């Protein structure tokens, strides 16, 4: 039986120019806001922290030292 990836969180390995899918799914969760990010819409992540971010503003805020 085939398993559907919809509504399943993917596990990714984030690299400098992309990411590798470790466990299939249709989305990841923003490390700051908790918002679901569809893999097709994922644009912002941290290689060092291995975290995904929902927007450029959230990514910038997460990486800015306090």
PDB file of N, CA and C in Angstrom:
ATOM      1  N   UNK A   1       0.841  -1.182   0.000  1.00  0.00           N
ATOM      2  CA  UNK A   1       0.000   0.000   0.000  1.00  0.00           C
ATOM      3  C   UNK A   1       0.887   1.247   0.000  1.00  0.00           C
ATOM      4  N   UNK A   2       0.541   2.220  -0.809  1.00  0.00           N
ATOM      5  CA  UNK A   2       1.289   3.462  -0.881  1.00  0.00           C
ATOM      6  C   UNK A   2       0.887   4.393   0.252  1.00  0.00           C
ATOM      7  N   UNK A   3       1.886   5.069   0.803  1.00  0.00           N
ATOM      8  CA  UNK A   3       1.628   6.032   1.876  1.00  0.00           C
ATOM      9  C   UNK A   3       1.609   7.437   1.283  1.00  0.00           C
ATOM     10  N   UNK A   4       0.678   8.245   1.713  1.00  0.00           N
ATOM     11  CA  UNK A   4       0.594   9.623   1.248  1.00  0.00           C
ATOM     12  C   UNK A   4       1.487  10.503   2.108  1.00  0.00           C
ATOM     13  N   UNK A   5       2.146  11.478   1.482  1.00  0.00           N
ATOM     14  CA  UNK A   5       3.003  12.404   2.217  1.00  0.00           C
ATOM     15  C   UNK A   5       2.262  13.656   2.655  1.00  0.00           C
ATOM     16  N   UNK A   6       0.985  13.775   2.307  1.00  0.00           N
ATOM     17  CA  UNK A   6       0.292  14.986   2.687  1.00  0.00           C
ATOM     18  C   UNK A   6       0.041  15.001   4.184  1.00  0.00           C
ATOM     19  N   UNK A   7       0.197  16.177   4.718  1.00  0.00           N
ATOM     20  CA  UNK A   7       0.012  16.434   6.140  1.00  0.00           C
ATOM     21  C   UNK A   7       1.016  15.669   6.996  1.00  0.00           C
ATOM     22  N   UNK A   8       2.193  15.463   6.448  1.00  0.00           N
ATOM     23  CA  UNK A   8       3.263  14.783   7.181  1.00  0.00           C
ATOM     24  C   UNK A   8       4.497  15.674   7.172  1.00  0.00           C
ATOM     25  N   UNK A   9       5.111  15.842   8.327  1.00  0.00           N
ATOM     26  CA  UNK A   9       6.299  16.682   8.437  1.00  0.00           C
ATOM     27  C   UNK A   9       7.514  15.945   7.875  1.00  0.00           C
ATOM     28  N   UNK A  10       8.235  16.607   6.986  1.00  0.00           N
ATOM     29  CA  UNK A  10       9.452  16.041   6.408  1.00  0.00           C
ATOM     30  C   UNK A  10      10.629  16.293   7.346  1.00  0.00           C
ATOM     31  N   UNK A  11      11.632  15.440   7.279  1.00  0.00           N
ATOM     32  CA  UNK A  11      12.902  15.685   7.956  1.00  0.00           C
ATOM     33  C   UNK A  11      13.912  15.983   6.878  1.00  0.00           C
ATOM     34  N   UNK A  12      14.606  17.120   7.018  1.00  0.00           N
ATOM     35  CA  UNK A  12      15.543  17.568   5.996  1.00  0.00           C
ATOM     36  C   UNK A  12      16.937  17.760   6.564  1.00  0.00           C
ATOM     37  N   UNK A  13      17.931  17.649   5.692  1.00  0.00           N
ATOM     38  CA  UNK A  13      19.295  18.068   6.002  1.00  0.00           C
ATOM     39  C   UNK A  13      19.536  19.305   5.152  1.00  0.00           C
ATOM     40  N   UNK A  14      19.745  20.448   5.822  1.00  0.00           N
ATOM     41  CA  UNK A  14      19.908  21.720   5.120  1.00  0.00           C
ATOM     42  C   UNK A  14      21.369  21.902   4.729  1.00  0.00           C
ATOM     43  N   UNK A  15      21.586  22.268   3.463  1.00  0.00           N
ATOM     44  CA  UNK A  15      22.924  22.504   2.933  1.00  0.00           C
ATOM     45  C   UNK A  15      22.966  23.931   2.367  1.00  0.00           C
ATOM     46  N   UNK A  16      24.136  24.384   1.966  1.00  0.00           N
ATOM     47  CA  UNK A  16      24.310  25.756   1.512  1.00  0.00           C
ATOM     48  C   UNK A  16      23.435  26.107   0.306  1.00  0.00           C
ATOM     49  N   UNK A  17      23.259  25.189  -0.619  1.00  0.00           N
ATOM     50  CA  UNK A  17      22.505  25.506  -1.839  1.00  0.00           C
ATOM     51  C   UNK A  17      21.233  24.690  -1.996  1.00  0.00           C
ATOM     52  N   UNK A  18      20.774  24.075  -0.944  1.00  0.00           N
ATOM     53  CA  UNK A  18      19.571  23.264  -1.028  1.00  0.00           C
ATOM     54  C   UNK A  18      19.416  22.409   0.209  1.00  0.00           C
ATOM     55  N   UNK A  19      18.600  21.410   0.081  1.00  0.00           N
ATOM     56  CA  UNK A  19      18.391  20.492   1.197  1.00  0.00           C
ATOM     57  C   UNK A  19      18.162  19.091   0.669  1.00  0.00           C
ATOM     58  N   UNK A  20      18.413  18.122   1.539  1.00  0.00           N
ATOM     59  CA  UNK A  20      18.212  16.715   1.200  1.00  0.00           C
ATOM     60  C   UNK A  20      17.088  16.184   2.086  1.00  0.00           C
ATOM     61  N   UNK A  21      16.165  15.452   1.515  1.00  0.00           N
ATOM     62  CA  UNK A  21      15.039  14.891   2.262  1.00  0.00           C
ATOM     63  C   UNK A  21      15.503  13.604   2.933  1.00  0.00           C
ATOM     64  N   UNK A  22      15.436  13.579   4.267  1.00  0.00           N
ATOM     65  CA  UNK A  22      15.813  12.392   5.035  1.00  0.00           C
ATOM     66  C   UNK A  22      14.601  11.517   5.329  1.00  0.00           C
ATOM     67  N   UNK A  23      13.456  12.164   5.544  1.00  0.00           N
ATOM     68  CA  UNK A  23      12.185  11.449   5.758  1.00  0.00           C
ATOM     69  C   UNK A  23      11.128  12.218   4.987  1.00  0.00           C
ATOM     70  N   UNK A  24      10.414  11.534   4.119  1.00  0.00           N
ATOM     71  CA  UNK A  24       9.475  12.221   3.233  1.00  0.00           C
ATOM     72  C   UNK A  24       8.303  12.829   3.985  1.00  0.00           C
ATOM     73  N   UNK A  25       7.805  13.900   3.416  1.00  0.00           N
ATOM     74  CA  UNK A  25       6.670  14.645   3.940  1.00  0.00           C
ATOM     75  C   UNK A  25       6.380  15.788   3.002  1.00  0.00           C
ATOM     76  N   UNK A  26       5.362  16.575   3.313  1.00  0.00           N
ATOM     77  CA  UNK A  26       5.010  17.679   2.423  1.00  0.00           C
ATOM     78  C   UNK A  26       5.374  19.043   2.982  1.00  0.00           C
ATOM     79  N   UNK A  27       5.827  19.094   4.246  1.00  0.00           N
ATOM     80  CA  UNK A  27       6.141  20.385   4.855  1.00  0.00           C
ATOM     81  C   UNK A  27       7.165  20.216   5.979  1.00  0.00           C
ATOM     82  N   UNK A  28       7.702  21.368   6.415  1.00  0.00           N
ATOM     83  CA  UNK A  28       8.517  21.459   7.624  1.00  0.00           C
ATOM     84  C   UNK A  28       7.880  22.539   8.494  1.00  0.00           C
ATOM     85  N   UNK A  29       8.372  22.665   9.708  1.00  0.00           N
ATOM     86  CA  UNK A  29       7.815  23.636  10.643  1.00  0.00           C
ATOM     87  C   UNK A  29       8.854  24.713  10.916  1.00  0.00           C
ATOM     88  N   UNK A  30       8.432  25.975  10.861  1.00  0.00           N
ATOM     89  CA  UNK A  30       9.327  27.100  11.148  1.00  0.00           C
ATOM     90  C   UNK A  30       9.831  26.987  12.583  1.00  0.00           C
ATOM     91  N   UNK A  31      11.148  27.114  12.772  1.00  0.00           N
ATOM     92  CA  UNK A  31      11.768  26.981  14.087  1.00  0.00           C
ATOM     93  C   UNK A  31      11.360  28.095  15.042  1.00  0.00           C
ATOM     94  N   UNK A  32      10.931  29.241  14.522  1.00  0.00           N
ATOM     95  CA  UNK A  32      10.581  30.377  15.370  1.00  0.00           C
ATOM     96  C   UNK A  32       9.069  30.504  15.555  1.00  0.00           C
ATOM     97  N   UNK A  33       8.332  30.517  14.458  1.00  0.00           N
ATOM     98  CA  UNK A  33       6.892  30.787  14.531  1.00  0.00           C
ATOM     99  C   UNK A  33       6.023  29.538  14.664  1.00  0.00           C
ATOM    100  N   UNK A  34       6.580  28.372  14.325  1.00  0.00           N
ATOM    101  CA  UNK A  34       5.796  27.148  14.349  1.00  0.00           C
ATOM    102  C   UNK A  34       4.891  26.982  13.139  1.00  0.00           C
ATOM    103  N   UNK A  35       4.992  27.895  12.188  1.00  0.00           N
ATOM    104  CA  UNK A  35       4.164  27.872  10.972  1.00  0.00           C
ATOM    105  C   UNK A  35       4.599  26.728  10.060  1.00  0.00           C
ATOM    106  N   UNK A  36       3.631  26.081   9.423  1.00  0.00           N
ATOM    107  CA  UNK A  36       3.928  25.050   8.428  1.00  0.00           C
ATOM    108  C   UNK A  36       4.456  25.702   7.155  1.00  0.00           C
ATOM    109  N   UNK A  37       5.507  25.123   6.579  1.00  0.00           N
ATOM    110  CA  UNK A  37       6.091  25.620   5.338  1.00  0.00           C
ATOM    111  C   UNK A  37       6.108  24.448   4.358  1.00  0.00           C
ATOM    112  N   UNK A  38       5.349  24.573   3.273  1.00  0.00           N
ATOM    113  CA  UNK A  38       5.369  23.534   2.252  1.00  0.00           C
ATOM    114  C   UNK A  38       6.759  23.460   1.641  1.00  0.00           C
ATOM    115  N   UNK A  39       7.225  22.277   1.313  1.00  0.00           N
ATOM    116  CA  UNK A  39       8.586  22.131   0.772  1.00  0.00           C
ATOM    117  C   UNK A  39       8.789  22.944  -0.496  1.00  0.00           C
ATOM    118  N   UNK A  40       7.752  23.070  -1.318  1.00  0.00           N
ATOM    119  CA  UNK A  40       7.852  23.876  -2.538  1.00  0.00           C
ATOM    120  C   UNK A  40       8.033  25.360  -2.234  1.00  0.00           C
ATOM    121  N   UNK A  41       7.666  25.794  -1.040  1.00  0.00           N
ATOM    122  CA  UNK A  41       7.748  27.206  -0.664  1.00  0.00           C
ATOM    123  C   UNK A  41       8.905  27.504   0.290  1.00  0.00           C
ATOM    124  N   UNK A  42       9.672  26.503   0.666  1.00  0.00           N
ATOM    125  CA  UNK A  42      10.785  26.671   1.594  1.00  0.00           C
ATOM    126  C   UNK A  42      11.925  27.429   0.926  1.00  0.00           C
ATOM    127  N   UNK A  43      12.265  28.591   1.467  1.00  0.00           N
ATOM    128  CA  UNK A  43      13.324  29.430   0.886  1.00  0.00           C
ATOM    129  C   UNK A  43      14.403  29.824   1.898  1.00  0.00           C
ATOM    130  N   UNK A  44      14.094  29.737   3.195  1.00  0.00           N
ATOM    131  CA  UNK A  44      15.006  30.261   4.220  1.00  0.00           C
ATOM    132  C   UNK A  44      15.297  29.188   5.261  1.00  0.00           C
ATOM    133  N   UNK A  45      16.607  28.965   5.516  1.00  0.00           N
ATOM    134  CA  UNK A  45      17.008  28.015   6.530  1.00  0.00           C
ATOM    135  C   UNK A  45      18.414  28.348   6.991  1.00  0.00           C
ATOM    136  N   UNK A  46      18.810  27.737   8.099  1.00  0.00           N
ATOM    137  CA  UNK A  46      20.155  27.891   8.632  1.00  0.00           C
ATOM    138  C   UNK A  46      20.875  26.552   8.511  1.00  0.00           C
ATOM    139  N   UNK A  47      22.000  26.550   7.830  1.00  0.00           N
ATOM    140  CA  UNK A  47      22.805  25.342   7.705  1.00  0.00           C
ATOM    141  C   UNK A  47      23.404  24.998   9.066  1.00  0.00           C
ATOM    142  N   UNK A  48      23.934  25.997   9.774  1.00  0.00           N
ATOM    143  CA  UNK A  48      24.583  25.762  11.059  1.00  0.00           C
ATOM    144  C   UNK A  48      23.600  25.248  12.111  1.00  0.00           C
ATOM    145  N   UNK A  49      22.407  25.799  12.130  1.00  0.00           N
ATOM    146  CA  UNK A  49      21.404  25.400  13.135  1.00  0.00           C
ATOM    147  C   UNK A  49      20.487  24.286  12.662  1.00  0.00           C
ATOM    148  N   UNK A  50      20.507  24.007  11.344  1.00  0.00           N
ATOM    149  CA  UNK A  50      19.627  22.994  10.750  1.00  0.00           C
ATOM    150  C   UNK A  50      18.169  23.293  11.099  1.00  0.00           C
ATOM    151  N   UNK A  51      17.769  24.563  10.850  1.00  0.00           N
ATOM    152  CA  UNK A  51      16.409  25.034  11.118  1.00  0.00           C
ATOM    153  C   UNK A  51      15.827  25.695   9.880  1.00  0.00           C
ATOM    154  N   UNK A  52      14.524  25.580   9.737  1.00  0.00           N
ATOM    155  CA  UNK A  52      13.798  26.242   8.647  1.00  0.00           C
ATOM    156  C   UNK A  52      13.099  27.479   9.198  1.00  0.00           C
ATOM    157  N   UNK A  53      12.915  28.487   8.326  1.00  0.00           N
ATOM    158  CA  UNK A  53      12.242  29.728   8.704  1.00  0.00           C
ATOM    159  C   UNK A  53      11.179  30.072   7.667  1.00  0.00           C
ATOM    160  N   UNK A  54      10.070  30.628   8.130  1.00  0.00           N
ATOM    161  CA  UNK A  54       8.930  30.914   7.263  1.00  0.00           C
ATOM    162  C   UNK A  54       9.133  32.141   6.375  1.00  0.00           C
ATOM    163  N   UNK A  55      10.003  33.076   6.773  1.00  0.00           N
ATOM    164  CA  UNK A  55      10.197  34.290   5.978  1.00  0.00           C
ATOM    165  C   UNK A  55      11.614  34.824   6.176  1.00  0.00           C
ATOM    166  N   UNK A  56      11.993  35.747   5.318  1.00  0.00           N
ATOM    167  CA  UNK A  56      13.312  36.382   5.437  1.00  0.00           C
ATOM    168  C   UNK A  56      13.421  37.165   6.742  1.00  0.00           C
ATOM    169  N   UNK A  57      12.349  37.833   7.129  1.00  0.00           N
ATOM    170  CA  UNK A  57      12.358  38.615   8.375  1.00  0.00           C
ATOM    171  C   UNK A  57      12.562  37.707   9.589  1.00  0.00           C
ATOM    172  N   UNK A  58      11.899  36.570   9.600  1.00  0.00           N
ATOM    173  CA  UNK A  58      12.050  35.627  10.713  1.00  0.00           C
ATOM    174  C   UNK A  58      13.465  35.054  10.733  1.00  0.00           C
ATOM    175  N   UNK A  59      14.003  34.714   9.567  1.00  0.00           N
ATOM    176  CA  UNK A  59      15.360  34.183   9.476  1.00  0.00           C
ATOM    177  C   UNK A  59      16.374  35.207   9.968  1.00  0.00           C
ATOM    178  N   UNK A  60      16.206  36.445   9.551  1.00  0.00           N
ATOM    179  CA  UNK A  60      17.123  37.514   9.979  1.00  0.00           C
ATOM    180  C   UNK A  60      17.062  37.718  11.485  1.00  0.00           C
ATOM    181  N   UNK A  61      15.863  37.745  12.041  1.00  0.00           N
ATOM    182  CA  UNK A  61      15.710  37.924  13.483  1.00  0.00           C
ATOM    183  C   UNK A  61      16.321  36.756  14.257  1.00  0.00           C
ATOM    184  N   UNK A  62      16.162  35.547  13.744  1.00  0.00           N
ATOM    185  CA  UNK A  62      16.699  34.366  14.422  1.00  0.00           C
ATOM    186  C   UNK A  62      18.217  34.352  14.425  1.00  0.00           C
ATOM    187  N   UNK A  63      18.835  34.939  13.406  1.00  0.00           N
ATOM    188  CA  UNK A  63      20.293  34.902  13.281  1.00  0.00           C
ATOM    189  C   UNK A  63      20.965  36.163  13.809  1.00  0.00           C
ATOM    190  N   UNK A  64      20.187  37.137  14.252  1.00  0.00           N
ATOM    191  CA  UNK A  64      20.744  38.381  14.775  1.00  0.00           C
ATOM    192  C   UNK A  64      21.043  38.223  16.258  1.00  0.00           C
ATOM    193  N   UNK A  65      22.297  38.430  16.662  1.00  0.00           N
ATOM    194  CA  UNK A  65      22.622  38.319  18.097  1.00  0.00           C
ATOM    195  C   UNK A  65      21.921  39.408  18.905  1.00  0.00           C
ATOM    196  N   UNK A  66      21.521  39.035  20.086  1.00  0.00           N
ATOM    197  CA  UNK A  66      20.803  40.016  20.942  1.00  0.00           C
ATOM    198  C   UNK A  66      21.738  40.851  21.749  1.00  0.00           C
TER     199      UNK A  66
END
